[in-house]
Each structure stands twice: as structure tokens, then as C-alpha cells.
C-alpha atoms as a PDB file:
ATOM      1  CA  UNK A   1      46.097  62.418  17.074  1.00  0.00           C
ATOM      2  CA  UNK A   2      44.661  64.639  14.122  1.00  0.00           C
ATOM      3  CA  UNK A   3      46.234  67.807  13.185  1.00  0.00           C
ATOM      4  CA  UNK A   4      42.979  70.006  11.890  1.00  0.00           C
ATOM      5  CA  UNK A   5      44.239  73.807  11.564  1.00  0.00           C
ATOM      6  CA  UNK A   6      42.809  75.692   9.469  1.00  0.00           C
ATOM      7  CA  UNK A   7      45.022  78.890   8.433  1.00  0.00           C
ATOM      8  CA  UNK A   8      42.858  81.680   6.678  1.00  0.00           C
ATOM      9  CA  UNK A   9      45.749  84.003   6.069  1.00  0.00           C
ATOM     10  CA  UNK A  10      49.326  84.696   6.023  1.00  0.00           C
ATOM     11  CA  UNK A  11      52.257  87.123   5.723  1.00  0.00           C
ATOM     12  CA  UNK A  12      55.798  86.091   5.817  1.00  0.00           C
ATOM     13  CA  UNK A  13      58.203  89.100   6.208  1.00  0.00           C
ATOM     14  CA  UNK A  14      61.748  88.439   6.211  1.00  0.00           C
ATOM     15  CA  UNK A  15      62.981  90.878   6.009  1.00  0.00           C
ATOM     16  CA  UNK A  16      62.748  92.000   9.450  1.00  0.00           C
ATOM     17  CA  UNK A  17      66.295  90.838  11.494  1.00  0.00           C
ATOM     18  CA  UNK A  18      65.372  89.869  14.978  1.00  0.00           C
ATOM     19  CA  UNK A  19      67.652  91.481  17.737  1.00  0.00           C
ATOM     20  CA  UNK A  20      70.443  89.020  18.861  1.00  0.00           C
ATOM     21  CA  UNK A  21      69.140  89.432  23.040  1.00  0.00           C
ATOM     22  CA  UNK A  22      65.510  87.907  22.015  1.00  0.00           C
ATOM     23  CA  UNK A  23      67.282  84.372  21.001  1.00  0.00           C
ATOM     24  CA  UNK A  24      69.458  82.181  23.212  1.00  0.00           C
ATOM     25  CA  UNK A  25      73.034  82.165  22.739  1.00  0.00           C
ATOM     26  CA  UNK A  26      73.126  79.016  21.648  1.00  0.00           C
ATOM     27  CA  UNK A  27      70.800  79.148  18.502  1.00  0.00           C
ATOM     28  CA  UNK A  28      73.698  80.925  17.062  1.00  0.00           C
ATOM     29  CA  UNK A  29      76.215  78.173  17.646  1.00  0.00           C
ATOM     30  CA  UNK A  30      73.620  76.099  16.619  1.00  0.00           C
ATOM     31  CA  UNK A  31      72.877  76.639  13.394  1.00  0.00           C
ATOM     32  CA  UNK A  32      76.914  77.682  12.581  1.00  0.00           C
ATOM     33  CA  UNK A  33      78.026  73.951  13.253  1.00  0.00           C
ATOM     34  CA  UNK A  34      75.007  73.048  11.318  1.00  0.00           C
ATOM     35  CA  UNK A  35      74.921  74.959   8.362  1.00  0.00           C
ATOM     36  CA  UNK A  36      78.761  75.553   8.202  1.00  0.00           C
ATOM     37  CA  UNK A  37      78.160  79.478   7.390  1.00  0.00           C
ATOM     38  CA  UNK A  38      80.000  82.082   9.633  1.00  0.00           C
ATOM     39  CA  UNK A  39      77.697  84.685   9.545  1.00  0.00           C
ATOM     40  CA  UNK A  40      74.224  84.000  10.624  1.00  0.00           C
ATOM     41  CA  UNK A  41      71.130  86.334  10.277  1.00  0.00           C
ATOM     42  CA  UNK A  42      67.963  85.284  11.519  1.00  0.00           C
ATOM     43  CA  UNK A  43      64.321  86.674   9.402  1.00  0.00           C
ATOM     44  CA  UNK A  44      61.061  86.527  10.760  1.00  0.00           C
ATOM     45  CA  UNK A  45      58.256  84.572   9.658  1.00  0.00           C
ATOM     46  CA  UNK A  46      55.519  86.566  10.689  1.00  0.00           C
ATOM     47  CA  UNK A  47      51.891  83.969  11.421  1.00  0.00           C
ATOM     48  CA  UNK A  48      48.833  86.069  10.594  1.00  0.00           C
ATOM     49  CA  UNK A  49      45.679  83.848  11.816  1.00  0.00           C
ATOM     50  CA  UNK A  50      42.227  85.182  10.460  1.00  0.00           C
ATOM     51  CA  UNK A  51      38.825  85.036  12.300  1.00  0.00           C
ATOM     52  CA  UNK A  52      39.533  82.625  15.437  1.00  0.00           C
ATOM     53  CA  UNK A  53      42.750  80.329  14.523  1.00  0.00           C
ATOM     54  CA  UNK A  54      45.588  80.712  16.582  1.00  0.00           C
ATOM     55  CA  UNK A  55      48.210  82.631  16.995  1.00  0.00           C
ATOM     56  CA  UNK A  56      51.677  82.347  17.554  1.00  0.00           C
ATOM     57  CA  UNK A  57      51.594  84.067  20.616  1.00  0.00           C
ATOM     58  CA  UNK A  58      54.387  81.213  22.576  1.00  0.00           C
ATOM     59  CA  UNK A  59      56.977  81.100  19.555  1.00  0.00           C
ATOM     60  CA  UNK A  60      58.176  82.423  16.348  1.00  0.00           C
ATOM     61  CA  UNK A  61      59.621  80.741  13.116  1.00  0.00           C
ATOM     62  CA  UNK A  62      62.783  82.567  11.328  1.00  0.00           C
ATOM     63  CA  UNK A  63      64.293  81.829   8.393  1.00  0.00           C
ATOM     64  CA  UNK A  64      68.221  81.865   8.179  1.00  0.00           C
ATOM     65  CA  UNK A  65      69.749  82.423   4.767  1.00  0.00           C
ATOM     66  CA  UNK A  66      68.726  83.491   1.683  1.00  0.00           C
ATOM     67  CA  UNK A  67      65.203  82.766   0.459  1.00  0.00           C
ATOM     68  CA  UNK A  68      65.964  83.048  -2.868  1.00  0.00           C
ATOM     69  CA  UNK A  69      68.072  80.150  -3.392  1.00  0.00           C
ATOM     70  CA  UNK A  70      67.256  77.139  -1.064  1.00  0.00           C
ATOM     71  CA  UNK A  71      70.089  75.299  -0.315  1.00  0.00           C
ATOM     72  CA  UNK A  72      71.841  76.485   2.572  1.00  0.00           C
ATOM     73  CA  UNK A  73      68.207  77.785   4.128  1.00  0.00           C
ATOM     74  CA  UNK A  74      67.240  76.811   7.415  1.00  0.00           C
ATOM     75  CA  UNK A  75      64.371  77.517   9.390  1.00  0.00           C
ATOM     76  CA  UNK A  76      63.747  78.185  13.708  1.00  0.00           C
ATOM     77  CA  UNK A  77      61.647  77.521  15.171  1.00  0.00           C
ATOM     78  CA  UNK A  78      61.891  79.521  18.697  1.00  0.00           C
ATOM     79  CA  UNK A  79      59.070  78.983  21.745  1.00  0.00           C
ATOM     80  CA  UNK A  80      57.610  78.024  25.038  1.00  0.00           C
ATOM     81  CA  UNK A  81      55.613  75.255  25.936  1.00  0.00           C
ATOM     82  CA  UNK A  82      53.370  75.331  29.096  1.00  0.00           C
ATOM     83  CA  UNK A  83      53.795  72.271  31.329  1.00  0.00           C
ATOM     84  CA  UNK A  84      52.437  71.505  34.454  1.00  0.00           C
ATOM     85  CA  UNK A  85      53.202  71.673  38.456  1.00  0.00           C
ATOM     86  CA  UNK A  86      52.991  68.024  39.667  1.00  0.00           C
ATOM     87  CA  UNK A  87      49.835  66.828  39.802  1.00  0.00           C
ATOM     88  CA  UNK A  88      48.087  70.529  38.300  1.00  0.00           C
ATOM     89  CA  UNK A  89      46.354  69.625  35.197  1.00  0.00           C
ATOM     90  CA  UNK A  90      45.562  67.326  33.046  1.00  0.00           C
ATOM     91  CA  UNK A  91      47.767  66.116  29.565  1.00  0.00           C
ATOM     92  CA  UNK A  92      44.896  67.092  27.432  1.00  0.00           C
ATOM     93  CA  UNK A  93      45.535  70.618  28.385  1.00  0.00           C
ATOM     94  CA  UNK A  94      49.254  72.628  28.122  1.00  0.00           C
ATOM     95  CA  UNK A  95      48.042  75.633  26.063  1.00  0.00           C
ATOM     96  CA  UNK A  96      45.285  76.743  27.901  1.00  0.00           C
ATOM     97  CA  UNK A  97      46.225  80.432  29.945  1.00  0.00           C
ATOM     98  CA  UNK A  98      46.255  79.000  33.166  1.00  0.00           C
ATOM     99  CA  UNK A  99      48.431  80.042  36.471  1.00  0.00           C
ATOM    100  CA  UNK A 100      49.298  76.970  37.061  1.00  0.00           C
ATOM    101  CA  UNK A 101      51.341  76.147  34.407  1.00  0.00           C
ATOM    102  CA  UNK A 102      55.393  75.973  34.940  1.00  0.00           C
ATOM    103  CA  UNK A 103      57.172  76.117  31.383  1.00  0.00           C
ATOM    104  CA  UNK A 104      60.180  75.586  29.551  1.00  0.00           C
ATOM    105  CA  UNK A 105      62.095  76.905  26.383  1.00  0.00           C
ATOM    106  CA  UNK A 106      62.850  75.039  23.266  1.00  0.00           C
ATOM    107  CA  UNK A 107      64.292  75.162  19.667  1.00  0.00           C
ATOM    108  CA  UNK A 108      64.226  73.167  16.923  1.00  0.00           C
ATOM    109  CA  UNK A 109      66.007  73.877  13.687  1.00  0.00           C
ATOM    110  CA  UNK A 110      65.065  72.715  10.339  1.00  0.00           C
ATOM    111  CA  UNK A 111      66.313  71.855   6.804  1.00  0.00           C
ATOM    112  CA  UNK A 112      65.485  73.735   3.575  1.00  0.00           C
ATOM    113  CA  UNK A 113      63.147  70.533   3.556  1.00  0.00           C
ATOM    114  CA  UNK A 114      61.523  71.150   7.080  1.00  0.00           C
ATOM    115  CA  UNK A 115      63.121  67.913   8.601  1.00  0.00           C
ATOM    116  CA  UNK A 116      63.495  68.172  12.174  1.00  0.00           C
ATOM    117  CA  UNK A 117      67.834  68.825  12.510  1.00  0.00           C
ATOM    118  CA  UNK A 118      68.726  69.909  15.600  1.00  0.00           C
ATOM    119  CA  UNK A 119      65.752  70.683  19.108  1.00  0.00           C
ATOM    120  CA  UNK A 120      67.715  71.777  22.256  1.00  0.00           C
ATOM    121  CA  UNK A 121      65.911  72.835  25.528  1.00  0.00           C
ATOM    122  CA  UNK A 122      67.914  76.296  26.353  1.00  0.00           C
ATOM    123  CA  UNK A 123      65.671  76.839  29.318  1.00  0.00           C
ATOM    124  CA  UNK A 124      63.834  75.079  31.974  1.00  0.00           C
ATOM    125  CA  UNK A 125      61.841  76.186  34.440  1.00  0.00           C
ATOM    126  CA  UNK A 126      59.425  73.287  35.821  1.00  0.00           C
ATOM    127  CA  UNK A 127      60.245  71.681  38.784  1.00  0.00           C
ATOM    128  CA  UNK A 128      60.054  67.501  37.244  1.00  0.00           C
ATOM    129  CA  UNK A 129      61.055  66.600  33.701  1.00  0.00           C
ATOM    130  CA  UNK A 130      63.959  68.433  33.593  1.00  0.00           C
ATOM    131  CA  UNK A 131      65.249  64.968  31.423  1.00  0.00           C
ATOM    132  CA  UNK A 132      63.485  66.328  27.814  1.00  0.00           C
ATOM    133  CA  UNK A 133      66.739  68.688  28.222  1.00  0.00           C
ATOM    134  CA  UNK A 134      69.522  65.953  27.852  1.00  0.00           C
ATOM    135  CA  UNK A 135      70.945  65.848  24.341  1.00  0.00           C
ATOM    136  CA  UNK A 136      70.629  62.640  23.920  1.00  0.00           C
ATOM    137  CA  UNK A 137      66.714  62.339  23.944  1.00  0.00           C
ATOM    138  CA  UNK A 138      66.276  65.303  21.972  1.00  0.00           C
ATOM    139  CA  UNK A 139      68.355  63.623  18.879  1.00  0.00           C
ATOM    140  CA  UNK A 140      65.427  61.349  19.440  1.00  0.00           C
ATOM    141  CA  UNK A 141      63.683  64.212  17.044  1.00  0.00           C
ATOM    142  CA  UNK A 142      66.319  64.406  13.928  1.00  0.00           C
ATOM    143  CA  UNK A 143      64.826  63.603  10.406  1.00  0.00           C
ATOM    144  CA  UNK A 144      61.126  63.987  11.783  1.00  0.00           C
ATOM    145  CA  UNK A 145      59.249  65.501   8.740  1.00  0.00           C
ATOM    146  CA  UNK A 146      55.494  65.811   9.874  1.00  0.00           C
ATOM    147  CA  UNK A 147      54.054  63.373   7.943  1.00  0.00           C
ATOM    148  CA  UNK A 148      53.167  60.881  10.792  1.00  0.00           C
ATOM    149  CA  UNK A 149      52.814  61.540  13.865  1.00  0.00           C
ATOM    150  CA  UNK A 150      54.799  60.774  16.881  1.00  0.00           C
ATOM    151  CA  UNK A 151      54.416  57.786  18.727  1.00  0.00           C
ATOM    152  CA  UNK A 152      55.439  57.998  23.069  1.00  0.00           C
ATOM    153  CA  UNK A 153      57.167  54.978  23.588  1.00  0.00           C
ATOM    154  CA  UNK A 154      56.739  53.705  19.921  1.00  0.00           C
ATOM    155  CA  UNK A 155      59.121  57.000  17.850  1.00  0.00           C
ATOM    156  CA  UNK A 156      59.548  58.532  21.284  1.00  0.00           C
ATOM    157  CA  UNK A 157      61.238  57.434  24.043  1.00  0.00           C
ATOM    158  CA  UNK A 158      58.920  57.313  27.444  1.00  0.00           C
ATOM    159  CA  UNK A 159      60.463  58.497  30.464  1.00  0.00           C
ATOM    160  CA  UNK A 160      59.969  57.812  33.819  1.00  0.00           C
ATOM    161  CA  UNK A 161      58.985  61.322  35.675  1.00  0.00           C
ATOM    162  CA  UNK A 162      58.678  62.943  32.850  1.00  0.00           C
ATOM    163  CA  UNK A 163      55.250  62.051  31.212  1.00  0.00           C
ATOM    164  CA  UNK A 164      54.628  65.435  31.084  1.00  0.00           C
ATOM    165  CA  UNK A 165      57.658  67.390  30.074  1.00  0.00           C
ATOM    166  CA  UNK A 166      57.682  64.030  27.021  1.00  0.00           C
ATOM    167  CA  UNK A 167      53.852  64.949  26.121  1.00  0.00           C
ATOM    168  CA  UNK A 168      54.410  68.533  25.757  1.00  0.00           C
ATOM    169  CA  UNK A 169      57.639  69.115  23.666  1.00  0.00           C
ATOM    170  CA  UNK A 170      56.570  65.978  21.351  1.00  0.00           C
ATOM    171  CA  UNK A 171      53.000  67.126  20.329  1.00  0.00           C
ATOM    172  CA  UNK A 172      54.600  71.267  20.328  1.00  0.00           C
ATOM    173  CA  UNK A 173      57.574  69.271  18.066  1.00  0.00           C
ATOM    174  CA  UNK A 174      54.821  67.770  15.527  1.00  0.00           C
ATOM    175  CA  UNK A 175      52.273  70.554  15.851  1.00  0.00           C
ATOM    176  CA  UNK A 176      54.983  72.843  14.866  1.00  0.00           C
ATOM    177  CA  UNK A 177      56.690  71.070  12.702  1.00  0.00           C
ATOM    178  CA  UNK A 178      53.001  71.023  10.219  1.00  0.00           C
ATOM    179  CA  UNK A 179      51.886  74.386  11.068  1.00  0.00           C
ATOM    180  CA  UNK A 180      55.470  75.773   9.362  1.00  0.00           C
ATOM    181  CA  UNK A 181      55.125  73.362   6.496  1.00  0.00           C
ATOM    182  CA  UNK A 182      51.439  74.977   6.136  1.00  0.00           C
ATOM    183  CA  UNK A 183      52.916  78.464   6.278  1.00  0.00           C
ATOM    184  CA  UNK A 184      55.583  78.024   3.582  1.00  0.00           C
ATOM    185  CA  UNK A 185      52.539  75.423   1.871  1.00  0.00           C
ATOM    186  CA  UNK A 186      50.641  78.658   1.671  1.00  0.00           C
ATOM    187  CA  UNK A 187      53.344  81.201   0.726  1.00  0.00           C
ATOM    188  CA  UNK A 188      54.643  79.377  -2.432  1.00  0.00           C
ATOM    189  CA  UNK A 189      50.848  79.481  -3.400  1.00  0.00           C
ATOM    190  CA  UNK A 190      51.104  83.399  -3.404  1.00  0.00           C
END
């Protein structure tokens, strides 16, 4: 899938600390384990898209650590992915506003180089496809940098009975990883 996303304006506001109740409890535990830091503070990266550009209504990016030092810095995406009720919609309509969606929520932890370190599905509200929540299955996203496309059946294992969920999370991780790269690239140019 070709990824074309033109974003005209990004505003990053790392000073906004996020209230703990908005984020899953497992996120800070995973961050502490991965980063080796005991004190974890998250700052939301606010993305403002101009014109008819996509908004980030289904998720948020966060920075973890000191933005002035690249070592020890991590990024996190926490989001919601619409899946479909069995037979309710086609794979090409994952992110539309129809009401026949089921959903799941997940997060991705990236290192300072924007490479995936960890993925966790923390709230699965769909009736089928819960197998994507498996730690073993999610490990295959580790090391993904956004420099290539993810193909199900090649880089990502297919799961019988979870086709829609597999496509949904794979597509979302690919899109959000590339978007994070664009956000940080725009920040570097400012």
C-alpha cells in the first residue's frame, strides 16, 4: 500500500503532561521495563493538520523522557482501531465513521530512532479476532521502522479467524509509524 499523507502544519507541545487515568496501566509498566527508568513522564505531541488533512481523533502520540537528550527518549502511540462486525464491512473501510464497528485499543512503544520496540493490545472489544492480542504474535512488529510496507503472509503472520483484525492493526501500525517519522521530521526542520 502506498502511503501518501500531506501534513501542512504540526505543532508539538511536549510540555503537556498527561493524566494517568487516560492511559492504560500496563503502558507505564512496559515503559519502565523497556527504558529502565523508574520515573515515567509522558508528554503529548499535539498534531494539528491544516485544511482537509486527517486529524488524530482515534489516538495520540507521546514523548517519554527528555526531548533535549536523544538517549533514553522513547515515543508512544496509543490509539483505537475500528474493526468490523463479522460481515459488517469491507477491509477498505476500517476508519470510516459507520456505527457497525467493533474496536480494539492498543499502544506502540518506539525508541529514539522511531523503531517499534513493543506493541500491546490492552482493550479488545470485538467479537472475533482476539488472537491479535497474543504477545507472541505482536512480537513480529518489533524492529519495524516504517521504511518498508508490511505484507500479511510475508512480514506479518496471518491468523485464521482474525483476518480483519490482523489487517486493521497491521495497517494502523504502518500508518502511525510513518506519521511519527513525518511529525519528528517537521519538528527537526523548525
